[in-house]
PDB file of all heavy atoms in Angstrom:
ATOM      1  N   ALA A   1    -103.612 -64.524 177.208  1.00  0.00           N
ATOM      2  CA  ALA A   1    -102.462 -64.429 178.117  1.00  0.00           C
ATOM      3  C   ALA A   1    -101.386 -65.446 177.784  1.00  0.00           C
ATOM      4  O   ALA A   1    -100.194 -65.161 177.942  1.00  0.00           O
ATOM      5  CB  ALA A   1    -102.949 -64.620 179.566  1.00  0.00           C
ATOM      6  N   CYS A   2    -101.773 -66.628 177.331  1.00  0.00           N
ATOM      7  CA  CYS A   2    -100.776 -67.657 177.017  1.00  0.00           C
ATOM      8  C   CYS A   2     -99.910 -67.246 175.832  1.00  0.00           C
ATOM      9  O   CYS A   2     -98.685 -67.371 175.867  1.00  0.00           O
ATOM     10  CB  CYS A   2    -101.471 -68.984 176.724  1.00  0.00           C
ATOM     11  SG  CYS A   2    -102.200 -69.763 178.176  1.00  0.00           S
ATOM     12  N   ALA A   3    -100.540 -66.756 174.774  1.00  0.00           N
ATOM     13  CA  ALA A   3     -99.784 -66.369 173.579  1.00  0.00           C
ATOM     14  C   ALA A   3     -98.910 -65.150 173.838  1.00  0.00           C
ATOM     15  O   ALA A   3     -97.875 -64.974 173.196  1.00  0.00           O
ATOM     16  CB  ALA A   3    -100.736 -66.098 172.423  1.00  0.00           C
ATOM     17  N   ILE A   4     -99.333 -64.292 174.770  1.00  0.00           N
ATOM     18  CA  ILE A   4     -98.570 -63.073 175.041  1.00  0.00           C
ATOM     19  C   ILE A   4     -97.405 -63.339 175.982  1.00  0.00           C
ATOM     20  O   ILE A   4     -96.277 -62.894 175.731  1.00  0.00           O
ATOM     21  CB  ILE A   4     -99.491 -61.994 175.638  1.00  0.00           C
ATOM     22  CG1 ILE A   4    -100.545 -61.580 174.613  1.00  0.00           C
ATOM     23  CG2 ILE A   4     -98.679 -60.770 176.084  1.00  0.00           C
ATOM     24  CD1 ILE A   4    -101.596 -60.644 175.165  1.00  0.00           C
ATOM     25  N   GLY A   5     -97.668 -64.079 177.077  1.00  0.00           N
ATOM     26  CA  GLY A   5     -96.601 -64.262 178.063  1.00  0.00           C
ATOM     27  C   GLY A   5     -96.515 -65.634 178.689  1.00  0.00           C
ATOM     28  O   GLY A   5     -95.782 -65.813 179.663  1.00  0.00           O
ATOM     29  N   GLY A   6     -97.236 -66.596 178.182  1.00  0.00           N
ATOM     30  CA  GLY A   6     -97.181 -67.936 178.756  1.00  0.00           C
ATOM     31  C   GLY A   6     -98.361 -68.288 179.634  1.00  0.00           C
ATOM     32  O   GLY A   6     -98.619 -69.462 179.882  1.00  0.00           O
ATOM     33  N   GLY A   7     -99.060 -67.264 180.151  1.00  0.00           N
ATOM     34  CA  GLY A   7    -100.243 -67.500 180.966  1.00  0.00           C
ATOM     35  C   GLY A   7     -99.960 -68.366 182.179  1.00  0.00           C
ATOM     36  O   GLY A   7     -98.891 -68.271 182.798  1.00  0.00           O
ATOM     37  N   PRO A   8    -100.881 -69.249 182.539  1.00  0.00           N
ATOM     38  CA  PRO A   8    -100.672 -70.122 183.700  1.00  0.00           C
ATOM     39  C   PRO A   8     -99.500 -71.067 183.544  1.00  0.00           C
ATOM     40  O   PRO A   8     -99.017 -71.630 184.523  1.00  0.00           O
ATOM     41  CB  PRO A   8    -101.995 -70.908 183.784  1.00  0.00           C
ATOM     42  CG  PRO A   8    -102.993 -70.081 183.062  1.00  0.00           C
ATOM     43  CD  PRO A   8    -102.224 -69.412 181.963  1.00  0.00           C
ATOM     44  N   PHE A   9     -99.038 -71.259 182.310  1.00  0.00           N
ATOM     45  CA  PHE A   9     -97.949 -72.205 182.053  1.00  0.00           C
ATOM     46  C   PHE A   9     -96.581 -71.519 182.028  1.00  0.00           C
ATOM     47  O   PHE A   9     -95.567 -72.165 181.739  1.00  0.00           O
ATOM     48  CB  PHE A   9     -98.188 -72.903 180.709  1.00  0.00           C
ATOM     49  CG  PHE A   9     -99.575 -73.465 180.560  1.00  0.00           C
ATOM     50  CD1 PHE A   9    -100.540 -72.787 179.840  1.00  0.00           C
ATOM     51  CD2 PHE A   9     -99.914 -74.653 181.177  1.00  0.00           C
ATOM     52  CE1 PHE A   9    -101.814 -73.299 179.712  1.00  0.00           C
ATOM     53  CE2 PHE A   9    -101.188 -75.179 181.063  1.00  0.00           C
ATOM     54  CZ  PHE A   9    -102.153 -74.497 180.332  1.00  0.00           C
ATOM     55  N   ARG A  10     -96.558 -70.231 182.329  1.00  0.00           N
ATOM     56  CA  ARG A  10     -95.322 -69.457 182.256  1.00  0.00           C
ATOM     57  C   ARG A  10     -94.228 -70.075 183.128  1.00  0.00           C
ATOM     58  O   ARG A  10     -94.442 -70.433 184.284  1.00  0.00           O
ATOM     59  CB  ARG A  10     -95.578 -68.022 182.705  1.00  0.00           C
ATOM     60  CG  ARG A  10     -94.366 -67.105 182.596  1.00  0.00           C
ATOM     61  CD  ARG A  10     -94.726 -65.670 182.951  1.00  0.00           C
ATOM     62  NE  ARG A  10     -93.589 -64.791 182.871  1.00  0.00           N
ATOM     63  CZ  ARG A  10     -93.132 -64.266 181.742  1.00  0.00           C
ATOM     64  NH1 ARG A  10     -93.761 -64.525 180.616  1.00  0.00           N
ATOM     65  NH2 ARG A  10     -92.081 -63.476 181.736  1.00  0.00           N
ATOM     66  N   GLY A  11     -93.039 -70.207 182.544  1.00  0.00           N
ATOM     67  CA  GLY A  11     -91.906 -70.749 183.277  1.00  0.00           C
ATOM     68  C   GLY A  11     -91.727 -72.245 183.136  1.00  0.00           C
ATOM     69  O   GLY A  11     -90.696 -72.788 183.540  1.00  0.00           O
ATOM     70  N   SER A  12     -92.707 -72.923 182.548  1.00  0.00           N
ATOM     71  CA  SER A  12     -92.575 -74.371 182.358  1.00  0.00           C
ATOM     72  C   SER A  12     -91.542 -74.653 181.270  1.00  0.00           C
ATOM     73  O   SER A  12     -91.481 -73.953 180.258  1.00  0.00           O
ATOM     74  CB  SER A  12     -93.923 -74.969 181.963  1.00  0.00           C
ATOM     75  OG  SER A  12     -93.760 -76.305 181.508  1.00  0.00           O
ATOM     76  N   PRO A  13     -90.734 -75.681 181.445  1.00  0.00           N
ATOM     77  CA  PRO A  13     -89.747 -76.009 180.407  1.00  0.00           C
ATOM     78  C   PRO A  13     -90.381 -76.526 179.122  1.00  0.00           C
ATOM     79  O   PRO A  13     -89.704 -76.637 178.095  1.00  0.00           O
ATOM     80  CB  PRO A  13     -88.890 -77.101 181.071  1.00  0.00           C
ATOM     81  CG  PRO A  13     -89.781 -77.708 182.112  1.00  0.00           C
ATOM     82  CD  PRO A  13     -90.625 -76.579 182.609  1.00  0.00           C
ATOM     83  N   GLU A  14     -91.676 -76.812 179.156  1.00  0.00           N
ATOM     84  CA  GLU A  14     -92.355 -77.350 177.986  1.00  0.00           C
ATOM     85  C   GLU A  14     -93.024 -76.297 177.125  1.00  0.00           C
ATOM     86  O   GLU A  14     -93.642 -76.620 176.112  1.00  0.00           O
ATOM     87  CB  GLU A  14     -93.393 -78.394 178.418  1.00  0.00           C
ATOM     88  CG  GLU A  14     -92.800 -79.608 179.114  1.00  0.00           C
ATOM     89  CD  GLU A  14     -91.763 -80.324 178.262  1.00  0.00           C
ATOM     90  OE1 GLU A  14     -92.010 -80.449 177.039  1.00  0.00           O
ATOM     91  OE2 GLU A  14     -90.726 -80.739 178.801  1.00  0.00           O
ATOM     92  N   VAL A  15     -92.959 -75.014 177.545  1.00  0.00           N
ATOM     93  CA  VAL A  15     -93.581 -73.958 176.754  1.00  0.00           C
ATOM     94  C   VAL A  15     -92.573 -72.858 176.482  1.00  0.00           C
ATOM     95  O   VAL A  15     -91.524 -72.770 177.117  1.00  0.00           O
ATOM     96  CB  VAL A  15     -94.827 -73.360 177.459  1.00  0.00           C
ATOM     97  CG1 VAL A  15     -95.839 -74.440 177.774  1.00  0.00           C
ATOM     98  CG2 VAL A  15     -94.448 -72.598 178.718  1.00  0.00           C
ATOM     99  N   ASN A  16     -92.938 -71.976 175.548  1.00  0.00           N
ATOM    100  CA  ASN A  16     -92.027 -70.917 175.123  1.00  0.00           C
ATOM    101  C   ASN A  16     -92.399 -69.548 175.688  1.00  0.00           C
ATOM    102  O   ASN A  16     -91.865 -68.538 175.270  1.00  0.00           O
ATOM    103  CB  ASN A  16     -92.017 -70.839 173.588  1.00  0.00           C
ATOM    104  CG  ASN A  16     -90.811 -70.108 173.055  1.00  0.00           C
ATOM    105  OD1 ASN A  16     -89.697 -70.612 173.133  1.00  0.00           O
ATOM    106  ND2 ASN A  16     -91.009 -68.903 172.525  1.00  0.00           N
ATOM    107  N   ASN A  17     -93.364 -69.536 176.643  1.00  0.00           N
ATOM    108  CA  ASN A  17     -93.845 -68.272 177.224  1.00  0.00           C
ATOM    109  C   ASN A  17     -94.367 -67.307 176.156  1.00  0.00           C
ATOM    110  O   ASN A  17     -94.062 -66.113 176.155  1.00  0.00           O
ATOM    111  CB  ASN A  17     -92.751 -67.589 178.053  1.00  0.00           C
ATOM    112  CG  ASN A  17     -92.420 -68.352 179.324  1.00  0.00           C
ATOM    113  OD1 ASN A  17     -93.197 -69.185 179.775  1.00  0.00           O
ATOM    114  ND2 ASN A  17     -91.267 -68.081 179.904  1.00  0.00           N
ATOM    115  N   GLY A  18     -95.154 -67.850 175.235  1.00  0.00           N
ATOM    116  CA  GLY A  18     -95.759 -66.998 174.213  1.00  0.00           C
ATOM    117  C   GLY A  18     -94.908 -66.892 172.963  1.00  0.00           C
ATOM    118  O   GLY A  18     -93.913 -67.585 172.786  1.00  0.00           O
ATOM    119  N   ILE A  19     -95.314 -65.958 172.093  1.00  0.00           N
ATOM    120  CA  ILE A  19     -94.684 -65.874 170.766  1.00  0.00           C
ATOM    121  C   ILE A  19     -93.775 -64.660 170.609  1.00  0.00           C
ATOM    122  O   ILE A  19     -93.225 -64.438 169.540  1.00  0.00           O
ATOM    123  CB  ILE A  19     -95.758 -65.845 169.660  1.00  0.00           C
ATOM    124  CG1 ILE A  19     -96.608 -64.568 169.754  1.00  0.00           C
ATOM    125  CG2 ILE A  19     -96.642 -67.070 169.727  1.00  0.00           C
ATOM    126  CD1 ILE A  19     -97.587 -64.415 168.607  1.00  0.00           C
ATOM    127  N   GLY A  20     -93.610 -63.878 171.671  1.00  0.00           N
ATOM    128  CA  GLY A  20     -92.892 -62.611 171.563  1.00  0.00           C
ATOM    129  C   GLY A  20     -91.480 -62.718 171.034  1.00  0.00           C
ATOM    130  O   GLY A  20     -91.022 -61.848 170.284  1.00  0.00           O
ATOM    131  N   ASP A  21     -90.754 -63.774 171.409  1.00  0.00           N
ATOM    132  CA  ASP A  21     -89.368 -63.906 170.939  1.00  0.00           C
ATOM    133  C   ASP A  21     -89.255 -64.837 169.737  1.00  0.00           C
ATOM    134  O   ASP A  21     -88.142 -65.161 169.302  1.00  0.00           O
ATOM    135  CB  ASP A  21     -88.464 -64.389 172.076  1.00  0.00           C
ATOM    136  CG  ASP A  21     -88.878 -65.748 172.613  1.00  0.00           C
ATOM    137  OD1 ASP A  21     -90.008 -66.195 172.291  1.00  0.00           O
ATOM    138  OD2 ASP A  21     -88.086 -66.364 173.351  1.00  0.00           O
ATOM    139  N   LEU A  22     -90.404 -65.260 169.203  1.00  0.00           N
ATOM    140  CA  LEU A  22     -90.393 -66.141 168.029  1.00  0.00           C
ATOM    141  C   LEU A  22     -90.816 -65.420 166.757  1.00  0.00           C
ATOM    142  O   LEU A  22     -90.240 -65.647 165.693  1.00  0.00           O
ATOM    143  CB  LEU A  22     -91.323 -67.335 168.260  1.00  0.00           C
ATOM    144  CG  LEU A  22     -90.934 -68.325 169.351  1.00  0.00           C
ATOM    145  CD1 LEU A  22     -92.039 -69.371 169.509  1.00  0.00           C
ATOM    146  CD2 LEU A  22     -89.606 -68.997 169.026  1.00  0.00           C
ATOM    147  N   LEU A  23     -91.828 -64.564 166.881  1.00  0.00           N
ATOM    148  CA  LEU A  23     -92.397 -63.898 165.714  1.00  0.00           C
ATOM    149  C   LEU A  23     -92.594 -62.413 165.997  1.00  0.00           C
ATOM    150  O   LEU A  23     -92.798 -62.012 167.150  1.00  0.00           O
ATOM    151  CB  LEU A  23     -93.759 -64.525 165.354  1.00  0.00           C
ATOM    152  CG  LEU A  23     -93.780 -66.022 165.041  1.00  0.00           C
ATOM    153  CD1 LEU A  23     -95.222 -66.477 164.849  1.00  0.00           C
ATOM    154  CD2 LEU A  23     -92.947 -66.342 163.825  1.00  0.00           C
ATOM    155  N   PRO A  24     -92.565 -61.570 164.966  1.00  0.00           N
ATOM    156  CA  PRO A  24     -92.835 -60.137 165.148  1.00  0.00           C
ATOM    157  C   PRO A  24     -94.340 -59.904 165.310  1.00  0.00           C
ATOM    158  O   PRO A  24     -95.111 -60.122 164.374  1.00  0.00           O
ATOM    159  CB  PRO A  24     -92.305 -59.511 163.850  1.00  0.00           C
ATOM    160  CG  PRO A  24     -92.425 -60.611 162.837  1.00  0.00           C
ATOM    161  CD  PRO A  24     -92.196 -61.904 163.571  1.00  0.00           C
ATOM    162  N   VAL A  25     -94.756 -59.476 166.492  1.00  0.00           N
ATOM    163  CA  VAL A  25     -96.179 -59.349 166.807  1.00  0.00           C
ATOM    164  C   VAL A  25     -96.678 -57.947 166.448  1.00  0.00           C
ATOM    165  O   VAL A  25     -96.071 -56.946 166.822  1.00  0.00           O
ATOM    166  CB  VAL A  25     -96.438 -59.648 168.293  1.00  0.00           C
ATOM    167  CG1 VAL A  25     -97.929 -59.533 168.610  1.00  0.00           C
ATOM    168  CG2 VAL A  25     -95.928 -61.043 168.649  1.00  0.00           C
ATOM    169  N   ASP A  26     -97.798 -57.888 165.741  1.00  0.00           N
ATOM    170  CA  ASP A  26     -98.404 -56.615 165.336  1.00  0.00           C
ATOM    171  C   ASP A  26     -99.558 -56.199 166.231  1.00  0.00           C
ATOM    172  O   ASP A  26     -99.924 -55.024 166.266  1.00  0.00           O
ATOM    173  CB  ASP A  26     -98.917 -56.722 163.893  1.00  0.00           C
ATOM    174  CG  ASP A  26     -97.799 -56.991 162.904  1.00  0.00           C
ATOM    175  OD1 ASP A  26     -97.060 -56.044 162.582  1.00  0.00           O
ATOM    176  OD2 ASP A  26     -97.665 -58.152 162.471  1.00  0.00           O
ATOM    177  N   LEU A  27    -100.153 -57.142 166.958  1.00  0.00           N
ATOM    178  CA  LEU A  27    -101.297 -56.824 167.812  1.00  0.00           C
ATOM    179  C   LEU A  27    -101.341 -57.795 168.981  1.00  0.00           C
ATOM    180  O   LEU A  27    -101.216 -59.013 168.793  1.00  0.00           O
ATOM    181  CB  LEU A  27    -102.607 -56.917 167.015  1.00  0.00           C
ATOM    182  CG  LEU A  27    -103.894 -56.574 167.770  1.00  0.00           C
ATOM    183  CD1 LEU A  27    -103.929 -55.085 168.115  1.00  0.00           C
ATOM    184  CD2 LEU A  27    -105.125 -56.953 166.948  1.00  0.00           C
ATOM    185  N   TYR A  28    -101.511 -57.234 170.189  1.00  0.00           N
ATOM    186  CA  TYR A  28    -101.657 -58.031 171.394  1.00  0.00           C
ATOM    187  C   TYR A  28    -103.079 -57.881 171.915  1.00  0.00           C
ATOM    188  O   TYR A  28    -103.567 -56.766 172.114  1.00  0.00           O
ATOM    189  CB  TYR A  28    -100.686 -57.558 172.482  1.00  0.00           C
ATOM    190  CG  TYR A  28     -99.226 -57.749 172.148  1.00  0.00           C
ATOM    191  CD1 TYR A  28     -98.506 -56.732 171.509  1.00  0.00           C
ATOM    192  CD2 TYR A  28     -98.550 -58.918 172.485  1.00  0.00           C
ATOM    193  CE1 TYR A  28     -97.156 -56.896 171.207  1.00  0.00           C
ATOM    194  CE2 TYR A  28     -97.207 -59.073 172.189  1.00  0.00           C
ATOM    195  CZ  TYR A  28     -96.518 -58.065 171.553  1.00  0.00           C
ATOM    196  OH  TYR A  28     -95.190 -58.223 171.269  1.00  0.00           O
ATOM    197  N   ILE A  29    -103.749 -59.021 172.145  1.00  0.00           N
ATOM    198  CA  ILE A  29    -105.122 -59.009 172.658  1.00  0.00           C
ATOM    199  C   ILE A  29    -105.127 -59.753 173.983  1.00  0.00           C
ATOM    200  O   ILE A  29    -105.152 -60.987 174.021  1.00  0.00           O
ATOM    201  CB  ILE A  29    -106.102 -59.667 171.666  1.00  0.00           C
ATOM    202  CG1 ILE A  29    -105.967 -59.047 170.278  1.00  0.00           C
ATOM    203  CG2 ILE A  29    -107.536 -59.534 172.173  1.00  0.00           C
ATOM    204  CD1 ILE A  29    -106.829 -59.709 169.220  1.00  0.00           C
TER     205      ILE A  29
END
């Protein structure tokens, strides 16, 4: 959940809410 959307840390200014807007994702688990 963290890598996909930030998980429990979602919305924190210290995280990027996952990798979706950083890298082209081929598989979500």
